Amino acid sequence: MANTLEEAEQAVAKCKEILKISIVQDMEISMESIRLSARDKFKKVCYACKTCDGANCPSGVPGMGGIGTGASFRENIESLNRYK
C-alpha cells in the first residue's frame, strides 16, 4: 500500500523487477488450452473448471481463495455474474 504517488511508483518499479512475463508464440490460445494448462499447474488444488463456482473443488472449499464457509466466494461469483 502506498500513501504517496512516489511510493506507488516505487512499488510498481519493484513489481516490474520481480515479475517476469514470457510469451510463447507457437502456443494455441483458447479457453480450453488455458484451462488444461491451469489444471496441470494447479495439480490437485484446483480443477480449473469451466465455471469457477466452487461446486467441484477437491478441498470442499469454494475457489482457490475461498476459506471458512465459502460464503464470500459464492457472493462474489454471484455479483460478477450479475455484472456481466
PDB file of N, CA and C in Angstrom:
ATOM      1  N   MET A   1       0.839  -1.172   0.000  1.00  0.00           N
ATOM      2  CA  MET A   1       0.000   0.000   0.000  1.00  0.00           C
ATOM      3  C   MET A   1       0.885   1.236   0.000  1.00  0.00           C
ATOM      4  N   ALA A   2       0.509   2.195  -0.787  1.00  0.00           N
ATOM      5  CA  ALA A   2       1.296   3.414  -0.899  1.00  0.00           C
ATOM      6  C   ALA A   2       0.475   4.599  -0.423  1.00  0.00           C
ATOM      7  N   ASN A   3       1.142   5.512   0.239  1.00  0.00           N
ATOM      8  CA  ASN A   3       0.470   6.717   0.719  1.00  0.00           C
ATOM      9  C   ASN A   3       0.705   7.912  -0.190  1.00  0.00           C
ATOM     10  N   THR A   4       1.706   7.808  -1.054  1.00  0.00           N
ATOM     11  CA  THR A   4       2.021   8.908  -1.957  1.00  0.00           C
ATOM     12  C   THR A   4       2.225   8.367  -3.365  1.00  0.00           C
ATOM     13  N   LEU A   5       2.199   9.250  -4.336  1.00  0.00           N
ATOM     14  CA  LEU A   5       2.448   8.858  -5.714  1.00  0.00           C
ATOM     15  C   LEU A   5       3.847   8.274  -5.850  1.00  0.00           C
ATOM     16  N   GLU A   6       4.813   8.871  -5.188  1.00  0.00           N
ATOM     17  CA  GLU A   6       6.197   8.378  -5.254  1.00  0.00           C
ATOM     18  C   GLU A   6       6.300   6.952  -4.720  1.00  0.00           C
ATOM     19  N   GLU A   7       5.633   6.668  -3.596  1.00  0.00           N
ATOM     20  CA  GLU A   7       5.652   5.317  -3.041  1.00  0.00           C
ATOM     21  C   GLU A   7       4.989   4.326  -4.008  1.00  0.00           C
ATOM     22  N   ALA A   8       3.896   4.741  -4.640  1.00  0.00           N
ATOM     23  CA  ALA A   8       3.202   3.873  -5.602  1.00  0.00           C
ATOM     24  C   ALA A   8       4.099   3.581  -6.802  1.00  0.00           C
ATOM     25  N   GLU A   9       4.781   4.606  -7.298  1.00  0.00           N
ATOM     26  CA  GLU A   9       5.686   4.414  -8.434  1.00  0.00           C
ATOM     27  C   GLU A   9       6.835   3.482  -8.069  1.00  0.00           C
ATOM     28  N   GLN A  10       7.351   3.605  -6.848  1.00  0.00           N
ATOM     29  CA  GLN A  10       8.422   2.716  -6.385  1.00  0.00           C
ATOM     30  C   GLN A  10       7.913   1.269  -6.291  1.00  0.00           C
ATOM     31  N   ALA A  11       6.686   1.102  -5.826  1.00  0.00           N
ATOM     32  CA  ALA A  11       6.113  -0.242  -5.714  1.00  0.00           C
ATOM     33  C   ALA A  11       5.942  -0.866  -7.100  1.00  0.00           C
ATOM     34  N   VAL A  12       5.488  -0.084  -8.063  1.00  0.00           N
ATOM     35  CA  VAL A  12       5.327  -0.582  -9.436  1.00  0.00           C
ATOM     36  C   VAL A  12       6.686  -0.958 -10.021  1.00  0.00           C
ATOM     37  N   ALA A  13       7.683  -0.120  -9.792  1.00  0.00           N
ATOM     38  CA  ALA A  13       9.029  -0.410 -10.298  1.00  0.00           C
ATOM     39  C   ALA A  13       9.559  -1.714  -9.698  1.00  0.00           C
ATOM     40  N   LYS A  14       9.309  -1.934  -8.402  1.00  0.00           N
ATOM     41  CA  LYS A  14       9.769  -3.171  -7.757  1.00  0.00           C
ATOM     42  C   LYS A  14       9.041  -4.381  -8.348  1.00  0.00           C
ATOM     43  N   CYS A  15       7.748  -4.244  -8.606  1.00  0.00           N
ATOM     44  CA  CYS A  15       6.986  -5.336  -9.227  1.00  0.00           C
ATOM     45  C   CYS A  15       7.549  -5.668 -10.604  1.00  0.00           C
ATOM     46  N   LYS A  16       7.888  -4.659 -11.364  1.00  0.00           N
ATOM     47  CA  LYS A  16       8.453  -4.883 -12.703  1.00  0.00           C
ATOM     48  C   LYS A  16       9.780  -5.626 -12.624  1.00  0.00           C
ATOM     49  N   GLU A  17      10.553  -5.387 -11.558  1.00  0.00           N
ATOM     50  CA  GLU A  17      11.823  -6.095 -11.373  1.00  0.00           C
ATOM     51  C   GLU A  17      11.575  -7.565 -11.031  1.00  0.00           C
ATOM     52  N   ILE A  18      10.546  -7.825 -10.239  1.00  0.00           N
ATOM     53  CA  ILE A  18      10.287  -9.175  -9.742  1.00  0.00           C
ATOM     54  C   ILE A  18       9.538 -10.027 -10.766  1.00  0.00           C
ATOM     55  N   LEU A  19       8.511  -9.453 -11.379  1.00  0.00           N
ATOM     56  CA  LEU A  19       7.671 -10.222 -12.296  1.00  0.00           C
ATOM     57  C   LEU A  19       8.340 -10.405 -13.650  1.00  0.00           C
ATOM     58  N   LYS A  20       8.304 -11.604 -14.124  1.00  0.00           N
ATOM     59  CA  LYS A  20       8.831 -11.917 -15.447  1.00  0.00           C
ATOM     60  C   LYS A  20       7.692 -12.517 -16.266  1.00  0.00           C
ATOM     61  N   ILE A  21       7.375 -11.906 -17.361  1.00  0.00           N
ATOM     62  CA  ILE A  21       6.305 -12.387 -18.226  1.00  0.00           C
ATOM     63  C   ILE A  21       6.919 -12.870 -19.526  1.00  0.00           C
ATOM     64  N   SER A  22       6.613 -14.121 -19.865  1.00  0.00           N
ATOM     65  CA  SER A  22       7.121 -14.654 -21.120  1.00  0.00           C
ATOM     66  C   SER A  22       5.942 -15.056 -21.997  1.00  0.00           C
ATOM     67  N   ILE A  23       6.113 -14.893 -23.277  1.00  0.00           N
ATOM     68  CA  ILE A  23       5.063 -15.206 -24.234  1.00  0.00           C
ATOM     69  C   ILE A  23       5.591 -16.252 -25.199  1.00  0.00           C
ATOM     70  N   VAL A  24       4.825 -17.315 -25.350  1.00  0.00           N
ATOM     71  CA  VAL A  24       5.179 -18.377 -26.286  1.00  0.00           C
ATOM     72  C   VAL A  24       4.307 -18.174 -27.517  1.00  0.00           C
ATOM     73  N   GLN A  25       4.916 -17.849 -28.631  1.00  0.00           N
ATOM     74  CA  GLN A  25       4.156 -17.505 -29.820  1.00  0.00           C
ATOM     75  C   GLN A  25       3.533 -18.708 -30.518  1.00  0.00           C
ATOM     76  N   ASP A  26       4.117 -19.893 -30.372  1.00  0.00           N
ATOM     77  CA  ASP A  26       3.600 -21.068 -31.055  1.00  0.00           C
ATOM     78  C   ASP A  26       2.449 -21.735 -30.320  1.00  0.00           C
ATOM     79  N   MET A  27       2.133 -21.271 -29.129  1.00  0.00           N
ATOM     80  CA  MET A  27       1.095 -21.905 -28.322  1.00  0.00           C
ATOM     81  C   MET A  27      -0.293 -21.469 -28.777  1.00  0.00           C
ATOM     82  N   GLU A  28      -1.190 -22.436 -28.846  1.00  0.00           N
ATOM     83  CA  GLU A  28      -2.580 -22.136 -29.171  1.00  0.00           C
ATOM     84  C   GLU A  28      -3.204 -21.404 -27.985  1.00  0.00           C
ATOM     85  N   ILE A  29      -3.871 -20.302 -28.238  1.00  0.00           N
ATOM     86  CA  ILE A  29      -4.526 -19.563 -27.170  1.00  0.00           C
ATOM     87  C   ILE A  29      -6.031 -19.744 -27.324  1.00  0.00           C
ATOM     88  N   SER A  30      -6.583 -20.530 -26.440  1.00  0.00           N
ATOM     89  CA  SER A  30      -8.033 -20.732 -26.390  1.00  0.00           C
ATOM     90  C   SER A  30      -8.392 -20.984 -24.935  1.00  0.00           C
ATOM     91  N   MET A  31      -9.657 -20.875 -24.610  1.00  0.00           N
ATOM     92  CA  MET A  31     -10.072 -21.133 -23.233  1.00  0.00           C
ATOM     93  C   MET A  31      -9.746 -22.571 -22.835  1.00  0.00           C
ATOM     94  N   GLU A  32      -9.880 -23.496 -23.760  1.00  0.00           N
ATOM     95  CA  GLU A  32      -9.588 -24.893 -23.447  1.00  0.00           C
ATOM     96  C   GLU A  32      -8.093 -25.087 -23.167  1.00  0.00           C
ATOM     97  N   SER A  33      -7.216 -24.470 -23.964  1.00  0.00           N
ATOM     98  CA  SER A  33      -5.777 -24.626 -23.711  1.00  0.00           C
ATOM     99  C   SER A  33      -5.389 -23.946 -22.398  1.00  0.00           C
ATOM    100  N   ILE A  34      -6.021 -22.830 -22.076  1.00  0.00           N
ATOM    101  CA  ILE A  34      -5.756 -22.155 -20.805  1.00  0.00           C
ATOM    102  C   ILE A  34      -6.210 -23.036 -19.644  1.00  0.00           C
ATOM    103  N   ARG A  35      -7.398 -23.623 -19.757  1.00  0.00           N
ATOM    104  CA  ARG A  35      -7.936 -24.493 -18.713  1.00  0.00           C
ATOM    105  C   ARG A  35      -7.034 -25.713 -18.501  1.00  0.00           C
ATOM    106  N   LEU A  36      -6.597 -26.332 -19.593  1.00  0.00           N
ATOM    107  CA  LEU A  36      -5.716 -27.502 -19.475  1.00  0.00           C
ATOM    108  C   LEU A  36      -4.387 -27.134 -18.825  1.00  0.00           C
ATOM    109  N   SER A  37      -3.839 -25.997 -19.199  1.00  0.00           N
ATOM    110  CA  SER A  37      -2.587 -25.537 -18.602  1.00  0.00           C
ATOM    111  C   SER A  37      -2.771 -25.269 -17.109  1.00  0.00           C
ATOM    112  N   ALA A  38      -3.890 -24.637 -16.753  1.00  0.00           N
ATOM    113  CA  ALA A  38      -4.163 -24.348 -15.342  1.00  0.00           C
ATOM    114  C   ALA A  38      -4.312 -25.631 -14.543  1.00  0.00           C
ATOM    115  N   ARG A  39      -5.010 -26.620 -15.102  1.00  0.00           N
ATOM    116  CA  ARG A  39      -5.168 -27.903 -14.397  1.00  0.00           C
ATOM    117  C   ARG A  39      -3.812 -28.528 -14.113  1.00  0.00           C
ATOM    118  N   ASP A  40      -2.928 -28.441 -15.084  1.00  0.00           N
ATOM    119  CA  ASP A  40      -1.587 -29.002 -14.904  1.00  0.00           C
ATOM    120  C   ASP A  40      -0.813 -28.236 -13.836  1.00  0.00           C
ATOM    121  N   LYS A  41      -0.900 -26.919 -13.862  1.00  0.00           N
ATOM    122  CA  LYS A  41      -0.132 -26.100 -12.925  1.00  0.00           C
ATOM    123  C   LYS A  41      -0.683 -26.159 -11.500  1.00  0.00           C
ATOM    124  N   PHE A  42      -2.008 -26.228 -11.353  1.00  0.00           N
ATOM    125  CA  PHE A  42      -2.614 -26.241 -10.020  1.00  0.00           C
ATOM    126  C   PHE A  42      -2.680 -27.639  -9.412  1.00  0.00           C
ATOM    127  N   LYS A  43      -2.387 -28.662 -10.214  1.00  0.00           N
ATOM    128  CA  LYS A  43      -2.414 -30.062  -9.756  1.00  0.00           C
ATOM    129  C   LYS A  43      -3.739 -30.371  -9.061  1.00  0.00           C
ATOM    130  N   LYS A  44      -3.699 -30.814  -7.807  1.00  0.00           N
ATOM    131  CA  LYS A  44      -4.926 -31.223  -7.131  1.00  0.00           C
ATOM    132  C   LYS A  44      -5.550 -30.116  -6.290  1.00  0.00           C
ATOM    133  N   VAL A  45      -4.999 -28.935  -6.351  1.00  0.00           N
ATOM    134  CA  VAL A  45      -5.536 -27.829  -5.562  1.00  0.00           C
ATOM    135  C   VAL A  45      -6.755 -27.227  -6.247  1.00  0.00           C
ATOM    136  N   CYS A  46      -6.742 -27.247  -7.573  1.00  0.00           N
ATOM    137  CA  CYS A  46      -7.835 -26.645  -8.338  1.00  0.00           C
ATOM    138  C   CYS A  46      -8.001 -27.414  -9.644  1.00  0.00           C
ATOM    139  N   TYR A  47      -9.257 -27.670 -10.024  1.00  0.00           N
ATOM    140  CA  TYR A  47      -9.527 -28.364 -11.277  1.00  0.00           C
ATOM    141  C   TYR A  47      -9.634 -27.406 -12.459  1.00  0.00           C
ATOM    142  N   ALA A  48      -9.573 -26.099 -12.201  1.00  0.00           N
ATOM    143  CA  ALA A  48      -9.725 -25.081 -13.255  1.00  0.00           C
ATOM    144  C   ALA A  48     -10.980 -25.373 -14.078  1.00  0.00           C
ATOM    145  N   CYS A  49     -12.090 -25.437 -13.386  1.00  0.00           N
ATOM    146  CA  CYS A  49     -13.377 -25.766 -14.011  1.00  0.00           C
ATOM    147  C   CYS A  49     -13.798 -24.704 -15.018  1.00  0.00           C
ATOM    148  N   LYS A  50     -14.642 -25.122 -15.944  1.00  0.00           N
ATOM    149  CA  LYS A  50     -15.161 -24.179 -16.942  1.00  0.00           C
ATOM    150  C   LYS A  50     -15.904 -23.045 -16.248  1.00  0.00           C
ATOM    151  N   THR A  51     -16.676 -23.380 -15.232  1.00  0.00           N
ATOM    152  CA  THR A  51     -17.362 -22.379 -14.418  1.00  0.00           C
ATOM    153  C   THR A  51     -16.826 -22.486 -13.002  1.00  0.00           C
ATOM    154  N   CYS A  52     -16.094 -21.467 -12.579  1.00  0.00           N
ATOM    155  CA  CYS A  52     -15.495 -21.478 -11.243  1.00  0.00           C
ATOM    156  C   CYS A  52     -16.548 -20.990 -10.247  1.00  0.00           C
ATOM    157  N   ASP A  53     -17.256 -21.960  -9.651  1.00  0.00           N
ATOM    158  CA  ASP A  53     -18.282 -21.604  -8.674  1.00  0.00           C
ATOM    159  C   ASP A  53     -18.130 -22.374  -7.363  1.00  0.00           C
ATOM    160  N   GLY A  54     -17.072 -23.155  -7.251  1.00  0.00           N
ATOM    161  CA  GLY A  54     -16.804 -23.897  -6.035  1.00  0.00           C
ATOM    162  C   GLY A  54     -17.480 -25.250  -5.962  1.00  0.00           C
ATOM    163  N   ALA A  55     -18.318 -25.583  -6.928  1.00  0.00           N
ATOM    164  CA  ALA A  55     -19.083 -26.826  -6.879  1.00  0.00           C
ATOM    165  C   ALA A  55     -18.201 -28.067  -6.943  1.00  0.00           C
ATOM    166  N   ASN A  56     -17.100 -28.021  -7.655  1.00  0.00           N
ATOM    167  CA  ASN A  56     -16.254 -29.204  -7.836  1.00  0.00           C
ATOM    168  C   ASN A  56     -14.884 -29.088  -7.191  1.00  0.00           C
ATOM    169  N   CYS A  57     -14.721 -28.181  -6.248  1.00  0.00           N
ATOM    170  CA  CYS A  57     -13.420 -28.005  -5.607  1.00  0.00           C
ATOM    171  C   CYS A  57     -13.043 -29.254  -4.822  1.00  0.00           C
ATOM    172  N   PRO A  58     -11.830 -29.805  -5.064  1.00  0.00           N
ATOM    173  CA  PRO A  58     -11.426 -31.034  -4.383  1.00  0.00           C
ATOM    174  C   PRO A  58     -11.292 -30.875  -2.881  1.00  0.00           C
ATOM    175  N   SER A  59     -11.016 -29.663  -2.429  1.00  0.00           N
ATOM    176  CA  SER A  59     -10.844 -29.460  -0.990  1.00  0.00           C
ATOM    177  C   SER A  59     -12.173 -29.259  -0.291  1.00  0.00           C
ATOM    178  N   GLY A  60     -13.232 -29.060  -1.067  1.00  0.00           N
ATOM    179  CA  GLY A  60     -14.533 -28.795  -0.479  1.00  0.00           C
ATOM    180  C   GLY A  60     -14.720 -27.329  -0.151  1.00  0.00           C
ATOM    181  N   VAL A  61     -13.689 -26.543  -0.306  1.00  0.00           N
ATOM    182  CA  VAL A  61     -13.779 -25.105  -0.055  1.00  0.00           C
ATOM    183  C   VAL A  61     -13.907 -24.409  -1.400  1.00  0.00           C
ATOM    184  N   PRO A  62     -14.941 -23.616  -1.602  1.00  0.00           N
ATOM    185  CA  PRO A  62     -15.106 -22.964  -2.900  1.00  0.00           C
ATOM    186  C   PRO A  62     -13.938 -22.074  -3.284  1.00  0.00           C
ATOM    187  N   GLY A  63     -13.473 -22.264  -4.488  1.00  0.00           N
ATOM    188  CA  GLY A  63     -12.472 -21.380  -5.066  1.00  0.00           C
ATOM    189  C   GLY A  63     -11.094 -21.488  -4.458  1.00  0.00           C
ATOM    190  N   MET A  64     -10.113 -21.036  -5.220  1.00  0.00           N
ATOM    191  CA  MET A  64      -8.724 -21.061  -4.756  1.00  0.00           C
ATOM    192  C   MET A  64      -8.546 -20.214  -3.507  1.00  0.00           C
ATOM    193  N   GLY A  65      -9.299 -19.122  -3.407  1.00  0.00           N
ATOM    194  CA  GLY A  65      -9.120 -18.225  -2.270  1.00  0.00           C
ATOM    195  C   GLY A  65     -10.205 -18.364  -1.223  1.00  0.00           C
ATOM    196  N   GLY A  66     -11.151 -19.285  -1.440  1.00  0.00           N
ATOM    197  CA  GLY A  66     -12.257 -19.444  -0.504  1.00  0.00           C
ATOM    198  C   GLY A  66     -11.798 -20.056   0.814  1.00  0.00           C
ATOM    199  N   ILE A  67     -12.280 -19.497   1.912  1.00  0.00           N
ATOM    200  CA  ILE A  67     -11.974 -20.063   3.229  1.00  0.00           C
ATOM    201  C   ILE A  67     -13.258 -20.108   4.043  1.00  0.00           C
ATOM    202  N   GLY A  68     -13.205 -20.793   5.141  1.00  0.00           N
ATOM    203  CA  GLY A  68     -14.381 -20.881   6.007  1.00  0.00           C
ATOM    204  C   GLY A  68     -15.536 -21.545   5.286  1.00  0.00           C
ATOM    205  N   THR A  69     -16.682 -20.918   5.351  1.00  0.00           N
ATOM    206  CA  THR A  69     -17.873 -21.482   4.712  1.00  0.00           C
ATOM    207  C   THR A  69     -17.877 -21.270   3.211  1.00  0.00           C
ATOM    208  N   GLY A  70     -17.068 -20.339   2.730  1.00  0.00           N
ATOM    209  CA  GLY A  70     -17.032 -20.031   1.296  1.00  0.00           C
ATOM    210  C   GLY A  70     -18.123 -19.066   0.873  1.00  0.00           C
ATOM    211  N   ALA A  71     -18.864 -18.521   1.840  1.00  0.00           N
ATOM    212  CA  ALA A  71     -19.981 -17.619   1.518  1.00  0.00           C
ATOM    213  C   ALA A  71     -19.510 -16.393   0.731  1.00  0.00           C
ATOM    214  N   SER A  72     -18.396 -15.807   1.128  1.00  0.00           N
ATOM    215  CA  SER A  72     -17.886 -14.622   0.418  1.00  0.00           C
ATOM    216  C   SER A  72     -17.535 -14.962  -1.025  1.00  0.00           C
ATOM    217  N   PHE A  73     -16.941 -16.140  -1.220  1.00  0.00           N
ATOM    218  CA  PHE A  73     -16.584 -16.571  -2.571  1.00  0.00           C
ATOM    219  C   PHE A  73     -17.838 -16.680  -3.429  1.00  0.00           C
ATOM    220  N   ARG A  74     -18.862 -17.369  -2.904  1.00  0.00           N
ATOM    221  CA  ARG A  74     -20.105 -17.542  -3.673  1.00  0.00           C
ATOM    222  C   ARG A  74     -20.772 -16.197  -3.950  1.00  0.00           C
ATOM    223  N   GLU A  75     -20.789 -15.299  -2.966  1.00  0.00           N
ATOM    224  CA  GLU A  75     -21.382 -13.975  -3.159  1.00  0.00           C
ATOM    225  C   GLU A  75     -20.627 -13.187  -4.224  1.00  0.00           C
ATOM    226  N   ASN A  76     -19.306 -13.296  -4.231  1.00  0.00           N
ATOM    227  CA  ASN A  76     -18.507 -12.610  -5.256  1.00  0.00           C
ATOM    228  C   ASN A  76     -18.822 -13.154  -6.642  1.00  0.00           C
ATOM    229  N   ILE A  77     -18.937 -14.477  -6.765  1.00  0.00           N
ATOM    230  CA  ILE A  77     -19.276 -15.086  -8.056  1.00  0.00           C
ATOM    231  C   ILE A  77     -20.645 -14.600  -8.516  1.00  0.00           C
ATOM    232  N   GLU A  78     -21.627 -14.587  -7.610  1.00  0.00           N
ATOM    233  CA  GLU A  78     -22.972 -14.123  -7.962  1.00  0.00           C
ATOM    234  C   GLU A  78     -22.944 -12.658  -8.403  1.00  0.00           C
ATOM    235  N   SER A  79     -22.193 -11.841  -7.699  1.00  0.00           N
ATOM    236  CA  SER A  79     -22.082 -10.420  -8.065  1.00  0.00           C
ATOM    237  C   SER A  79     -21.457 -10.239  -9.426  1.00  0.00           C
ATOM    238  N   LEU A  80     -20.379 -10.994  -9.692  1.00  0.00           N
ATOM    239  CA  LEU A  80     -19.733 -10.914 -11.002  1.00  0.00           C
ATOM    240  C   LEU A  80     -20.672 -11.355 -12.115  1.00  0.00           C
ATOM    241  N   ASN A  81     -21.450 -12.393 -11.854  1.00  0.00           N
ATOM    242  CA  ASN A  81     -22.402 -12.860 -12.863  1.00  0.00           C
ATOM    243  C   ASN A  81     -23.484 -11.813 -13.118  1.00  0.00           C
ATOM    244  N   ARG A  82     -23.949 -11.126 -12.077  1.00  0.00           N
ATOM    245  CA  ARG A  82     -24.947 -10.052 -12.261  1.00  0.00           C
ATOM    246  C   ARG A  82     -24.333  -8.903 -13.071  1.00  0.00           C
ATOM    247  N   TYR A  83     -23.061  -8.617 -12.817  1.00  0.00           N
ATOM    248  CA  TYR A  83     -22.385  -7.522 -13.518  1.00  0.00           C
ATOM    249  C   TYR A  83     -22.276  -7.823 -15.010  1.00  0.00           C
ATOM    250  N   LYS A  84     -21.984  -9.082 -15.342  1.00  0.00           N
ATOM    251  CA  LYS A  84     -21.849  -9.471 -16.749  1.00  0.00           C
ATOM    252  C   LYS A  84     -23.142  -9.209 -17.467  1.00  0.00           C
TER     253      LYS A  84
END
